[in-house]
Amino acid sequence: MTGRIILLGATGYTGDLVLDALLRRGVRPTVAGRDPAALAALAERSGGLDHLVVDAATPDDLRKHLRRGDVLITTVGPFERFGLPVAQAAADEGAHYLDSSGEVGFVRTLHARHHHRARETGAVMLPAFGYDYVPGFLTAALALRKAGPAARAVDIGYFADGPIRRGISQGTRTTMRDGLILPSARWYRHRLVDERTASRVHRFTVRGPPQVRVPRLRHRSPLPAREFPSLDAVTVYNGWFPELSRLLSLYSALATPPHASRRATGSPTC
């Protein structure tokens, strides 16, 4: 029996983009969210889709709707706040899990808490399956294959054209604000180390003169451990707001709690 595709957060900004992409490919998911009126209107507007009223913050509420083999796509963020109960429900019920998170702390916690349970129930857990970090992983992998075994480090920069401020959802804004005071993971000397977010400013040349970019997130990358074992360092930068690079870096330094700063300035080999 083929499982359903359930899209949680379908009435939100990112959920709407995912729903449109699915429909254009002939896929008719079950849409889910906590607002009955908005959900019913969306389902009707999209051609009479099935819909479920569920609260992402309550795993029992979601779990009763999931079956082994279902595919659960969630866009409900910030994931640090709302994502773990959803992932737990999917892992417990054997539903394959995908999310659009770009939050490194959440991804690491999800792996620690739910990876083994998902394997027991036959579920696949696939977080961070969105703008960050799939395009960067694929591009970096192509570049490293071309460079060969001599490559020891890779920097990945994310950029956006057009009026980015009008294209950011409320959840993404909250994630960005919260992320500036949380440590970020960087692959360095064959291990993950925590550093202060936005502690570095880097210049990329992208179809023109050098541009200043601020790293917002550094994350666990599958590149070193799997296909590129000789890779010493992977660093990810966010280039959405180049004119605010220095200001955001200063804000991060002032707002980061002392214990996080000590952790960030420790030796990366410890």
C-alpha atoms as a PDB file:
ATOM      1  CA  MET A   1       0.000   0.000   0.000  1.00  0.00           C
ATOM      2  CA  THR A   2       1.390   3.393  -1.012  1.00  0.00           C
ATOM      3  CA  GLY A   3       1.561   5.926   1.795  1.00  0.00           C
ATOM      4  CA  ARG A   4       0.193   9.437   1.654  1.00  0.00           C
ATOM      5  CA  ILE A   5       2.193  12.626   1.331  1.00  0.00           C
ATOM      6  CA  ILE A   6       1.205  14.954   4.180  1.00  0.00           C
ATOM      7  CA  LEU A   7       2.268  18.597   4.003  1.00  0.00           C
ATOM      8  CA  LEU A   8       2.317  20.192   7.442  1.00  0.00           C
ATOM      9  CA  GLY A   9       2.309  23.974   7.467  1.00  0.00           C
ATOM     10  CA  ALA A  10       0.650  24.162   4.060  1.00  0.00           C
ATOM     11  CA  THR A  11      -1.030  27.515   4.804  1.00  0.00           C
ATOM     12  CA  GLY A  12       2.279  29.254   5.536  1.00  0.00           C
ATOM     13  CA  TYR A  13       4.655  31.009   3.148  1.00  0.00           C
ATOM     14  CA  THR A  14       7.050  28.105   2.607  1.00  0.00           C
ATOM     15  CA  GLY A  15       4.253  25.561   2.731  1.00  0.00           C
ATOM     16  CA  ASP A  16       2.508  27.361  -0.114  1.00  0.00           C
ATOM     17  CA  LEU A  17       5.656  27.160  -2.242  1.00  0.00           C
ATOM     18  CA  VAL A  18       6.008  23.439  -1.539  1.00  0.00           C
ATOM     19  CA  LEU A  19       2.342  22.799  -2.284  1.00  0.00           C
ATOM     20  CA  ASP A  20       2.593  24.624  -5.602  1.00  0.00           C
ATOM     21  CA  ALA A  21       5.659  22.569  -6.563  1.00  0.00           C
ATOM     22  CA  LEU A  22       3.877  19.308  -5.712  1.00  0.00           C
ATOM     23  CA  LEU A  23       0.733  20.206  -7.608  1.00  0.00           C
ATOM     24  CA  ARG A  24       2.692  21.211 -10.703  1.00  0.00           C
ATOM     25  CA  ARG A  25       4.194  17.711 -10.683  1.00  0.00           C
ATOM     26  CA  GLY A  26       0.815  16.027 -10.426  1.00  0.00           C
ATOM     27  CA  VAL A  27       1.181  15.149  -6.730  1.00  0.00           C
ATOM     28  CA  ARG A  28      -1.879  15.736  -4.571  1.00  0.00           C
ATOM     29  CA  PRO A  29      -0.800  15.816  -0.932  1.00  0.00           C
ATOM     30  CA  THR A  30      -2.931  15.888   2.166  1.00  0.00           C
ATOM     31  CA  VAL A  31      -2.531  19.412   3.569  1.00  0.00           C
ATOM     32  CA  ALA A  32      -2.296  19.863   7.318  1.00  0.00           C
ATOM     33  CA  GLY A  33      -2.236  22.769   9.764  1.00  0.00           C
ATOM     34  CA  ARG A  34      -3.869  24.154  12.858  1.00  0.00           C
ATOM     35  CA  ASP A  35      -6.208  26.791  11.340  1.00  0.00           C
ATOM     36  CA  PRO A  36      -9.387  24.959  10.208  1.00  0.00           C
ATOM     37  CA  ALA A  37     -10.791  27.818   8.126  1.00  0.00           C
ATOM     38  CA  ALA A  38      -7.555  28.615   6.299  1.00  0.00           C
ATOM     39  CA  LEU A  39      -6.870  24.933   5.740  1.00  0.00           C
ATOM     40  CA  ALA A  40     -10.322  24.208   4.312  1.00  0.00           C
ATOM     41  CA  ALA A  41     -10.074  27.208   1.989  1.00  0.00           C
ATOM     42  CA  LEU A  42      -6.640  26.126   0.763  1.00  0.00           C
ATOM     43  CA  ALA A  43      -7.774  22.546   0.162  1.00  0.00           C
ATOM     44  CA  GLU A  44     -10.790  23.719  -1.845  1.00  0.00           C
ATOM     45  CA  ARG A  45      -8.755  26.273  -3.811  1.00  0.00           C
ATOM     46  CA  SER A  46      -6.228  23.557  -4.695  1.00  0.00           C
ATOM     47  CA  GLY A  47      -8.784  21.242  -6.267  1.00  0.00           C
ATOM     48  CA  GLY A  48     -10.397  19.570  -3.285  1.00  0.00           C
ATOM     49  CA  LEU A  49      -7.394  18.165  -1.451  1.00  0.00           C
ATOM     50  CA  ASP A  50      -7.759  16.083   1.683  1.00  0.00           C
ATOM     51  CA  HIS A  51      -6.877  18.070   4.775  1.00  0.00           C
ATOM     52  CA  LEU A  52      -6.099  17.458   8.437  1.00  0.00           C
ATOM     53  CA  VAL A  53      -6.363  19.883  11.344  1.00  0.00           C
ATOM     54  CA  VAL A  54      -3.357  19.194  13.577  1.00  0.00           C
ATOM     55  CA  ASP A  55      -1.158  21.168  15.957  1.00  0.00           C
ATOM     56  CA  ALA A  56       2.558  20.743  15.290  1.00  0.00           C
ATOM     57  CA  ALA A  57       3.327  21.354  18.951  1.00  0.00           C
ATOM     58  CA  THR A  58       1.343  18.293  20.046  1.00  0.00           C
ATOM     59  CA  PRO A  59       2.901  15.008  18.875  1.00  0.00           C
ATOM     60  CA  ASP A  60      -0.075  12.897  19.939  1.00  0.00           C
ATOM     61  CA  ASP A  61      -2.360  15.049  17.803  1.00  0.00           C
ATOM     62  CA  LEU A  62      -0.217  14.379  14.739  1.00  0.00           C
ATOM     63  CA  ARG A  63       0.739  10.780  15.511  1.00  0.00           C
ATOM     64  CA  LYS A  64      -2.817   9.463  15.233  1.00  0.00           C
ATOM     65  CA  HIS A  65      -2.932  10.558  11.593  1.00  0.00           C
ATOM     66  CA  LEU A  66       0.391   9.005  10.525  1.00  0.00           C
ATOM     67  CA  ARG A  67       0.874   5.525   9.123  1.00  0.00           C
ATOM     68  CA  ARG A  68       3.981   3.535   8.305  1.00  0.00           C
ATOM     69  CA  GLY A  69       5.165   4.480   4.829  1.00  0.00           C
ATOM     70  CA  ASP A  70       3.582   7.947   4.805  1.00  0.00           C
ATOM     71  CA  VAL A  71       5.783  10.859   3.778  1.00  0.00           C
ATOM     72  CA  LEU A  72       5.549  13.820   6.144  1.00  0.00           C
ATOM     73  CA  ILE A  73       6.822  17.145   4.808  1.00  0.00           C
ATOM     74  CA  THR A  74       6.917  19.921   7.381  1.00  0.00           C
ATOM     75  CA  THR A  75       7.626  23.616   6.895  1.00  0.00           C
ATOM     76  CA  VAL A  76       6.578  24.711  10.391  1.00  0.00           C
ATOM     77  CA  GLY A  77       9.313  26.821  11.943  1.00  0.00           C
ATOM     78  CA  PRO A  78      11.269  27.926  13.778  1.00  0.00           C
ATOM     79  CA  PHE A  79      12.163  24.263  14.009  1.00  0.00           C
ATOM     80  CA  GLU A  80      14.051  24.724  17.277  1.00  0.00           C
ATOM     81  CA  ARG A  81      10.666  25.569  18.794  1.00  0.00           C
ATOM     82  CA  PHE A  82       8.214  23.389  16.883  1.00  0.00           C
ATOM     83  CA  GLY A  83      10.123  20.734  14.957  1.00  0.00           C
ATOM     84  CA  LEU A  84      11.073  18.043  17.442  1.00  0.00           C
ATOM     85  CA  PRO A  85       7.537  16.862  18.366  1.00  0.00           C
ATOM     86  CA  VAL A  86       6.806  16.490  14.653  1.00  0.00           C
ATOM     87  CA  ALA A  87       9.982  14.495  14.047  1.00  0.00           C
ATOM     88  CA  GLN A  88       9.233  12.312  17.074  1.00  0.00           C
ATOM     89  CA  ALA A  89       5.768  11.493  15.773  1.00  0.00           C
ATOM     90  CA  ALA A  90       7.143  10.533  12.361  1.00  0.00           C
ATOM     91  CA  ALA A  91       9.908   8.375  13.829  1.00  0.00           C
ATOM     92  CA  ASP A  92       7.544   6.571  16.194  1.00  0.00           C
ATOM     93  CA  GLU A  93       5.012   5.784  13.470  1.00  0.00           C
ATOM     94  CA  GLY A  94       7.448   4.858  10.703  1.00  0.00           C
ATOM     95  CA  ALA A  95       6.595   7.830   8.480  1.00  0.00           C
ATOM     96  CA  HIS A  96       9.356   9.242   6.280  1.00  0.00           C
ATOM     97  CA  TYR A  97      10.243  12.763   7.387  1.00  0.00           C
ATOM     98  CA  LEU A  98      11.397  15.799   5.382  1.00  0.00           C
ATOM     99  CA  ASP A  99      11.669  19.401   6.520  1.00  0.00           C
ATOM    100  CA  SER A 100      12.786  22.778   5.215  1.00  0.00           C
ATOM    101  CA  SER A 101      14.881  23.660   8.250  1.00  0.00           C
ATOM    102  CA  GLY A 102      18.103  25.618   7.994  1.00  0.00           C
ATOM    103  CA  GLU A 103      18.762  25.445  11.752  1.00  0.00           C
ATOM    104  CA  VAL A 104      21.917  23.537  12.559  1.00  0.00           C
ATOM    105  CA  GLY A 105      21.112  23.052  16.246  1.00  0.00           C
ATOM    106  CA  PHE A 106      17.781  21.521  15.415  1.00  0.00           C
ATOM    107  CA  VAL A 107      19.294  19.150  12.863  1.00  0.00           C
ATOM    108  CA  ARG A 108      21.864  17.909  15.351  1.00  0.00           C
ATOM    109  CA  THR A 109      19.274  17.458  18.106  1.00  0.00           C
ATOM    110  CA  LEU A 110      16.924  15.641  15.738  1.00  0.00           C
ATOM    111  CA  HIS A 111      19.682  13.202  14.818  1.00  0.00           C
ATOM    112  CA  ALA A 112      20.594  12.601  18.445  1.00  0.00           C
ATOM    113  CA  ARG A 113      17.032  12.044  19.632  1.00  0.00           C
ATOM    114  CA  HIS A 114      15.190  10.397  16.759  1.00  0.00           C
ATOM    115  CA  HIS A 115      17.613   8.848  14.267  1.00  0.00           C
ATOM    116  CA  HIS A 116      17.800   5.430  15.923  1.00  0.00           C
ATOM    117  CA  ARG A 117      14.053   5.253  16.544  1.00  0.00           C
ATOM    118  CA  ALA A 118      13.386   6.074  12.880  1.00  0.00           C
ATOM    119  CA  ARG A 119      15.692   3.262  11.785  1.00  0.00           C
ATOM    120  CA  GLU A 120      13.796   0.856  14.045  1.00  0.00           C
ATOM    121  CA  THR A 121      10.475   1.766  12.438  1.00  0.00           C
ATOM    122  CA  GLY A 122      11.828   1.882   8.871  1.00  0.00           C
ATOM    123  CA  ALA A 123      11.519   5.642   8.474  1.00  0.00           C
ATOM    124  CA  VAL A 124      13.910   7.976   6.687  1.00  0.00           C
ATOM    125  CA  MET A 125      14.739  11.255   8.448  1.00  0.00           C
ATOM    126  CA  LEU A 126      15.765  13.948   5.976  1.00  0.00           C
ATOM    127  CA  PRO A 127      16.043  17.372   7.627  1.00  0.00           C
ATOM    128  CA  ALA A 128      17.346  20.585   6.023  1.00  0.00           C
ATOM    129  CA  PHE A 129      15.945  19.577   2.649  1.00  0.00           C
ATOM    130  CA  GLY A 130      15.461  23.047   1.228  1.00  0.00           C
ATOM    131  CA  TYR A 131      17.224  26.180   0.028  1.00  0.00           C
ATOM    132  CA  ASP A 132      19.816  25.629   2.664  1.00  0.00           C
ATOM    133  CA  TYR A 133      21.411  23.199   2.380  1.00  0.00           C
ATOM    134  CA  VAL A 134      20.711  21.020  -0.647  1.00  0.00           C
ATOM    135  CA  PRO A 135      21.955  23.417  -3.382  1.00  0.00           C
ATOM    136  CA  GLY A 136      25.164  24.115  -1.464  1.00  0.00           C
ATOM    137  CA  PHE A 137      25.868  20.419  -0.869  1.00  0.00           C
ATOM    138  CA  LEU A 138      25.391  19.562  -4.515  1.00  0.00           C
ATOM    139  CA  THR A 139      27.441  22.491  -5.820  1.00  0.00           C
ATOM    140  CA  ALA A 140      30.258  21.846  -3.353  1.00  0.00           C
ATOM    141  CA  ALA A 141      30.313  18.162  -4.260  1.00  0.00           C
ATOM    142  CA  LEU A 142      30.656  18.985  -7.968  1.00  0.00           C
ATOM    143  CA  ALA A 143      33.454  21.462  -7.265  1.00  0.00           C
ATOM    144  CA  LEU A 144      35.310  19.028  -5.024  1.00  0.00           C
ATOM    145  CA  ARG A 145      35.052  16.211  -7.544  1.00  0.00           C
ATOM    146  CA  LYS A 146      36.569  18.488 -10.156  1.00  0.00           C
ATOM    147  CA  ALA A 147      39.304  19.665  -7.774  1.00  0.00           C
ATOM    148  CA  GLY A 148      40.279  16.117  -6.828  1.00  0.00           C
ATOM    149  CA  PRO A 149      41.944  14.794  -3.662  1.00  0.00           C
ATOM    150  CA  ALA A 150      44.148  17.896  -3.322  1.00  0.00           C
ATOM    151  CA  ALA A 151      41.135  19.910  -2.076  1.00  0.00           C
ATOM    152  CA  ARG A 152      41.254  20.446   1.679  1.00  0.00           C
ATOM    153  CA  ALA A 153      38.575  23.062   2.350  1.00  0.00           C
ATOM    154  CA  VAL A 154      35.383  24.391   0.816  1.00  0.00           C
ATOM    155  CA  ASP A 155      33.435  27.594   1.500  1.00  0.00           C
ATOM    156  CA  ILE A 156      29.742  27.627   0.568  1.00  0.00           C
ATOM    157  CA  GLY A 157      27.927  30.938   0.151  1.00  0.00           C
ATOM    158  CA  TYR A 158      24.170  31.424  -0.170  1.00  0.00           C
ATOM    159  CA  PHE A 159      22.967  34.463  -2.110  1.00  0.00           C
ATOM    160  CA  ALA A 160      19.602  35.782  -3.253  1.00  0.00           C
ATOM    161  CA  ASP A 161      18.616  38.191  -6.000  1.00  0.00           C
ATOM    162  CA  GLY A 162      15.735  40.627  -5.806  1.00  0.00           C
ATOM    163  CA  PRO A 163      13.883  42.091  -2.799  1.00  0.00           C
ATOM    164  CA  ILE A 164      14.805  39.439  -0.270  1.00  0.00           C
ATOM    165  CA  ARG A 165      13.152  41.250   2.652  1.00  0.00           C
ATOM    166  CA  ARG A 166       9.703  40.827   1.087  1.00  0.00           C
ATOM    167  CA  GLY A 167      10.371  37.170   0.375  1.00  0.00           C
ATOM    168  CA  ILE A 168      11.123  36.007   3.925  1.00  0.00           C
ATOM    169  CA  SER A 169       8.426  34.352   5.982  1.00  0.00           C
ATOM    170  CA  GLN A 170       7.737  35.258   9.600  1.00  0.00           C
ATOM    171  CA  GLY A 171       9.159  31.909  10.691  1.00  0.00           C
ATOM    172  CA  THR A 172      12.389  32.561   8.797  1.00  0.00           C
ATOM    173  CA  ARG A 173      12.716  36.020  10.359  1.00  0.00           C
ATOM    174  CA  THR A 174      12.358  34.495  13.818  1.00  0.00           C
ATOM    175  CA  THR A 175      14.864  31.774  12.960  1.00  0.00           C
ATOM    176  CA  MET A 176      17.398  34.341  11.775  1.00  0.00           C
ATOM    177  CA  ARG A 177      16.984  36.436  14.898  1.00  0.00           C
ATOM    178  CA  ASP A 178      17.306  33.448  17.222  1.00  0.00           C
ATOM    179  CA  GLY A 179      20.202  32.010  15.234  1.00  0.00           C
ATOM    180  CA  LEU A 180      22.453  35.007  15.758  1.00  0.00           C
ATOM    181  CA  ILE A 181      22.790  34.229  19.469  1.00  0.00           C
ATOM    182  CA  LEU A 182      23.172  30.458  19.119  1.00  0.00           C
ATOM    183  CA  PRO A 183      26.477  28.731  18.307  1.00  0.00           C
ATOM    184  CA  SER A 184      26.940  27.233  14.863  1.00  0.00           C
ATOM    185  CA  ALA A 185      28.730  24.049  13.937  1.00  0.00           C
ATOM    186  CA  ARG A 186      31.649  24.071  11.522  1.00  0.00           C
ATOM    187  CA  TRP A 187      33.514  21.066  10.112  1.00  0.00           C
ATOM    188  CA  TYR A 188      37.150  21.724  11.027  1.00  0.00           C
ATOM    189  CA  ARG A 189      40.097  19.346  11.218  1.00  0.00           C
ATOM    190  CA  HIS A 190      37.838  16.333  10.649  1.00  0.00           C
ATOM    191  CA  ARG A 191      35.395  17.100  13.428  1.00  0.00           C
ATOM    192  CA  LEU A 192      32.508  19.383  14.306  1.00  0.00           C
ATOM    193  CA  VAL A 193      33.354  22.429  16.396  1.00  0.00           C
ATOM    194  CA  ASP A 194      31.020  25.120  17.717  1.00  0.00           C
ATOM    195  CA  GLU A 195      31.749  28.739  16.890  1.00  0.00           C
ATOM    196  CA  ARG A 196      29.913  31.985  17.459  1.00  0.00           C
ATOM    197  CA  THR A 197      27.471  32.559  14.621  1.00  0.00           C
ATOM    198  CA  ALA A 198      28.555  35.380  12.289  1.00  0.00           C
ATOM    199  CA  SER A 199      32.014  35.390  13.866  1.00  0.00           C
ATOM    200  CA  ARG A 200      33.541  35.550  10.381  1.00  0.00           C
ATOM    201  CA  VAL A 201      33.044  37.826   7.409  1.00  0.00           C
ATOM    202  CA  HIS A 202      34.153  36.472   4.053  1.00  0.00           C
ATOM    203  CA  ARG A 203      34.370  37.894   0.531  1.00  0.00           C
ATOM    204  CA  PHE A 204      33.066  36.011  -2.468  1.00  0.00           C
ATOM    205  CA  THR A 205      33.411  37.095  -6.080  1.00  0.00           C
ATOM    206  CA  VAL A 206      30.087  36.387  -7.753  1.00  0.00           C
ATOM    207  CA  ARG A 207      29.771  37.569 -11.351  1.00  0.00           C
ATOM    208  CA  GLY A 208      31.441  40.837 -10.518  1.00  0.00           C
ATOM    209  CA  PRO A 209      33.439  42.625  -7.789  1.00  0.00           C
ATOM    210  CA  PRO A 210      34.031  41.036  -4.378  1.00  0.00           C
ATOM    211  CA  GLN A 211      31.069  41.192  -2.027  1.00  0.00           C
ATOM    212  CA  VAL A 212      31.141  41.029   1.773  1.00  0.00           C
ATOM    213  CA  ARG A 213      29.047  38.198   3.160  1.00  0.00           C
ATOM    214  CA  VAL A 214      28.186  37.137   6.699  1.00  0.00           C
ATOM    215  CA  PRO A 215      28.048  33.506   7.825  1.00  0.00           C
ATOM    216  CA  ARG A 216      24.781  32.906   9.615  1.00  0.00           C
ATOM    217  CA  LEU A 217      24.917  29.130   9.912  1.00  0.00           C
ATOM    218  CA  ARG A 218      27.602  26.507   9.773  1.00  0.00           C
ATOM    219  CA  HIS A 219      26.413  22.968   9.837  1.00  0.00           C
ATOM    220  CA  ARG A 220      27.169  19.322   9.844  1.00  0.00           C
ATOM    221  CA  SER A 221      28.101  18.426   6.298  1.00  0.00           C
ATOM    222  CA  PRO A 222      28.016  14.920   4.790  1.00  0.00           C
ATOM    223  CA  LEU A 223      30.872  15.877   2.466  1.00  0.00           C
ATOM    224  CA  PRO A 224      33.877  15.104   4.708  1.00  0.00           C
ATOM    225  CA  ALA A 225      32.688  11.892   6.307  1.00  0.00           C
ATOM    226  CA  ARG A 226      31.462  10.187   3.189  1.00  0.00           C
ATOM    227  CA  GLU A 227      32.754  11.053  -0.230  1.00  0.00           C
ATOM    228  CA  PHE A 228      35.577  13.447   0.690  1.00  0.00           C
ATOM    229  CA  PRO A 229      37.474  12.030   3.680  1.00  0.00           C
ATOM    230  CA  SER A 230      40.522  14.263   3.063  1.00  0.00           C
ATOM    231  CA  LEU A 231      38.488  17.460   3.471  1.00  0.00           C
ATOM    232  CA  ASP A 232      39.639  19.444   6.512  1.00  0.00           C
ATOM    233  CA  ALA A 233      37.114  22.284   6.639  1.00  0.00           C
ATOM    234  CA  VAL A 234      33.607  23.137   5.463  1.00  0.00           C
ATOM    235  CA  THR A 235      32.273  26.633   6.202  1.00  0.00           C
ATOM    236  CA  VAL A 236      28.901  28.004   5.158  1.00  0.00           C
ATOM    237  CA  TYR A 237      28.131  31.712   4.715  1.00  0.00           C
ATOM    238  CA  ASN A 238      24.849  33.551   4.289  1.00  0.00           C
ATOM    239  CA  GLY A 239      25.023  36.384   1.756  1.00  0.00           C
ATOM    240  CA  TRP A 240      21.469  37.690   1.948  1.00  0.00           C
ATOM    241  CA  PHE A 241      22.293  41.065   3.515  1.00  0.00           C
ATOM    242  CA  PRO A 242      25.816  42.093   2.460  1.00  0.00           C
ATOM    243  CA  GLU A 243      25.410  45.716   3.551  1.00  0.00           C
ATOM    244  CA  LEU A 244      24.690  44.575   7.121  1.00  0.00           C
ATOM    245  CA  SER A 245      27.592  42.126   7.378  1.00  0.00           C
ATOM    246  CA  ARG A 246      29.713  43.989   9.905  1.00  0.00           C
ATOM    247  CA  LEU A 247      26.708  45.130  11.908  1.00  0.00           C
ATOM    248  CA  LEU A 248      25.291  41.607  12.228  1.00  0.00           C
ATOM    249  CA  SER A 249      28.670  40.268  13.244  1.00  0.00           C
ATOM    250  CA  LEU A 250      28.918  42.934  15.960  1.00  0.00           C
ATOM    251  CA  TYR A 251      25.377  42.198  17.129  1.00  0.00           C
ATOM    252  CA  SER A 252      26.199  38.512  17.418  1.00  0.00           C
ATOM    253  CA  ALA A 253      29.305  39.272  19.453  1.00  0.00           C
ATOM    254  CA  LEU A 254      27.397  41.514  21.877  1.00  0.00           C
ATOM    255  CA  ALA A 255      24.283  39.333  22.174  1.00  0.00           C
ATOM    256  CA  THR A 256      25.893  35.907  22.461  1.00  0.00           C
ATOM    257  CA  PRO A 257      25.832  34.611  26.068  1.00  0.00           C
ATOM    258  CA  PRO A 258      29.269  34.395  27.761  1.00  0.00           C
ATOM    259  CA  HIS A 259      29.247  30.591  27.957  1.00  0.00           C
ATOM    260  CA  ALA A 260      28.607  30.369  24.205  1.00  0.00           C
ATOM    261  CA  SER A 261      31.444  32.807  23.531  1.00  0.00           C
ATOM    262  CA  ARG A 262      33.846  30.722  25.566  1.00  0.00           C
ATOM    263  CA  ARG A 263      32.803  27.635  23.679  1.00  0.00           C
ATOM    264  CA  ALA A 264      33.283  29.454  20.365  1.00  0.00           C
ATOM    265  CA  THR A 265      36.773  30.736  21.182  1.00  0.00           C
ATOM    266  CA  GLY A 266      38.078  27.416  22.444  1.00  0.00           C
ATOM    267  CA  SER A 267      40.591  25.395  20.497  1.00  0.00           C
ATOM    268  CA  PRO A 268      38.900  23.697  17.529  1.00  0.00           C
ATOM    269  CA  THR A 269      41.034  20.611  18.106  1.00  0.00           C
ATOM    270  CA  CYS A 270      39.754  20.026  21.653  1.00  0.00           C
END
